[in-house]
Each structure stands twice: as structure tokens, then as C-alpha cells.
Protein backbone atom coordinates (compact mmCIF):
# COMPACT_ATOMS: atom_id res chain seq x y z
CA MET A 1 71.92 -390.31 93.06
CA ARG A 2 68.17 -389.93 93.47
CA LYS A 3 66.78 -387.27 95.81
CA ALA A 4 64.66 -388.50 98.69
CA ASP A 5 60.90 -388.00 98.46
CA ASP A 6 60.05 -384.69 100.16
CA LEU A 7 56.31 -385.39 100.43
CA ARG A 8 55.17 -385.53 104.02
CA PRO A 9 53.80 -388.89 105.12
CA GLU A 10 50.40 -387.40 106.06
CA TYR A 11 49.76 -386.52 102.40
CA ASP A 12 48.31 -389.50 100.59
CA LEU A 13 48.42 -388.75 96.86
CA ARG A 14 45.93 -391.50 96.10
CA GLU A 15 43.41 -389.66 98.28
CA LEU A 16 44.34 -386.16 97.08
CA LEU A 17 44.17 -387.06 93.40
CA LYS A 18 41.26 -389.52 93.44
CA ASP A 19 38.84 -387.03 91.83
CA GLY A 20 41.35 -385.62 89.36
CA VAL A 21 40.86 -386.09 85.65
CA GLN A 22 44.02 -386.58 83.65
CA GLY A 23 44.20 -384.39 80.57
CA LYS A 24 41.01 -382.51 81.43
CA TYR A 25 42.23 -379.35 79.66
CA ALA A 26 44.66 -380.93 77.20
CA GLU A 27 42.54 -380.18 74.11
CA ARG A 28 42.06 -376.53 75.09
CA PHE A 29 45.79 -376.25 75.70
CA ARG A 30 46.56 -377.64 72.24
CA GLU A 31 44.14 -375.09 70.75
CA GLY A 32 46.14 -372.31 72.35
CA THR A 33 43.54 -371.39 74.97
CA ASN A 34 44.87 -369.62 78.04
CA LEU A 35 43.49 -370.97 81.27
CA VAL A 36 43.13 -368.65 84.23
CA LEU A 37 42.06 -369.69 87.69
CA LEU A 38 39.62 -367.17 89.15
CA ASP A 39 39.16 -366.60 92.84
CA ARG A 40 35.87 -368.02 94.08
CA ASP A 41 34.21 -364.62 94.63
CA ILE A 42 35.10 -363.52 91.10
CA ALA A 43 33.89 -366.78 89.53
CA GLU A 44 30.58 -366.52 91.39
CA ALA A 45 29.98 -363.04 89.96
CA PHE A 46 29.94 -364.29 86.36
CA PRO A 47 27.53 -366.88 84.93
CA SER A 48 29.86 -368.06 82.14
CA ASP A 49 33.26 -367.71 80.54
CA GLU A 50 31.65 -365.50 77.88
CA ALA A 51 30.54 -363.08 80.62
CA VAL A 52 34.06 -362.92 82.03
CA ASN A 53 35.49 -362.24 78.57
CA ALA A 54 32.92 -359.50 77.91
CA ALA A 55 33.77 -357.79 81.20
CA LEU A 56 37.49 -357.96 80.50
CA ARG A 57 37.00 -356.57 76.99
CA LEU A 58 35.09 -353.66 78.52
CA VAL A 59 37.98 -353.00 80.91
CA MET A 60 40.35 -353.01 77.93
CA GLN A 61 38.16 -350.49 76.09
CA LEU A 62 37.90 -348.24 79.13
CA LYS A 63 41.65 -348.31 79.50
CA LYS A 64 41.95 -346.87 75.96
CA LEU A 65 39.77 -343.83 76.72
CA PRO A 66 41.70 -340.58 76.68
CA ARG A 67 42.31 -339.20 80.11
CA SER A 68 41.21 -335.68 80.84
CA GLU A 69 43.41 -333.29 82.72
CA LYS A 70 43.85 -334.30 86.29
CA ARG A 71 41.19 -332.64 88.37
CA SER A 72 41.55 -331.74 91.98
CA ALA A 73 39.03 -333.21 94.37
CA PRO A 74 35.99 -331.01 94.95
CA LYS A 75 36.23 -329.02 98.13
CA GLU A 76 33.74 -330.05 100.74
CA SER A 77 32.14 -327.38 102.85
CA ASP A 78 33.19 -327.51 106.42
CA PRO A 79 30.07 -327.74 108.62
CA ALA A 80 31.96 -326.01 111.47
CA THR A 81 32.34 -322.76 109.48
């Protein structure tokens, strides 16, 4: 037995999908490219996918740096004393 359509009547798929492009990323997918959706604020901070990749590679390099011994926070002088 077929399950009833759960889509609410106010959602018109013809309207929602009118600007969609079928297979837009199919070739990249076949090439093995990973697609990642960035939040708008992140995407606006980078001019290109190459810039995003460069920033992520830098993060990966920084993560490999040896950590020094854990330091305690510097003591601030208390202006009341």
C-alpha cells in the first residue's frame, strides 16, 4: 500500500523548484568533489573557493603545530590595591 503524500497543500513544488537546475553538480560529484554548503556570512568573507581552501589548509597546518606547556593566564593588577 502506498503512503499518503505528507507535503502540506500550501507548498507548491512547481513554484519552489522553478529555478532549480537538475544535475547542476553532477559532474563535480562524479569527479569525487565534496560539496559543502557555507553559511552566508562565511561565504561572503571569501572571494572564491580557492580562498576557502587556502584558509582551511592554514587551519590544518596550525593544528599540527606542537603545543607548548599550558600557561596560566597572566595576573592582572587589581586597581583597588
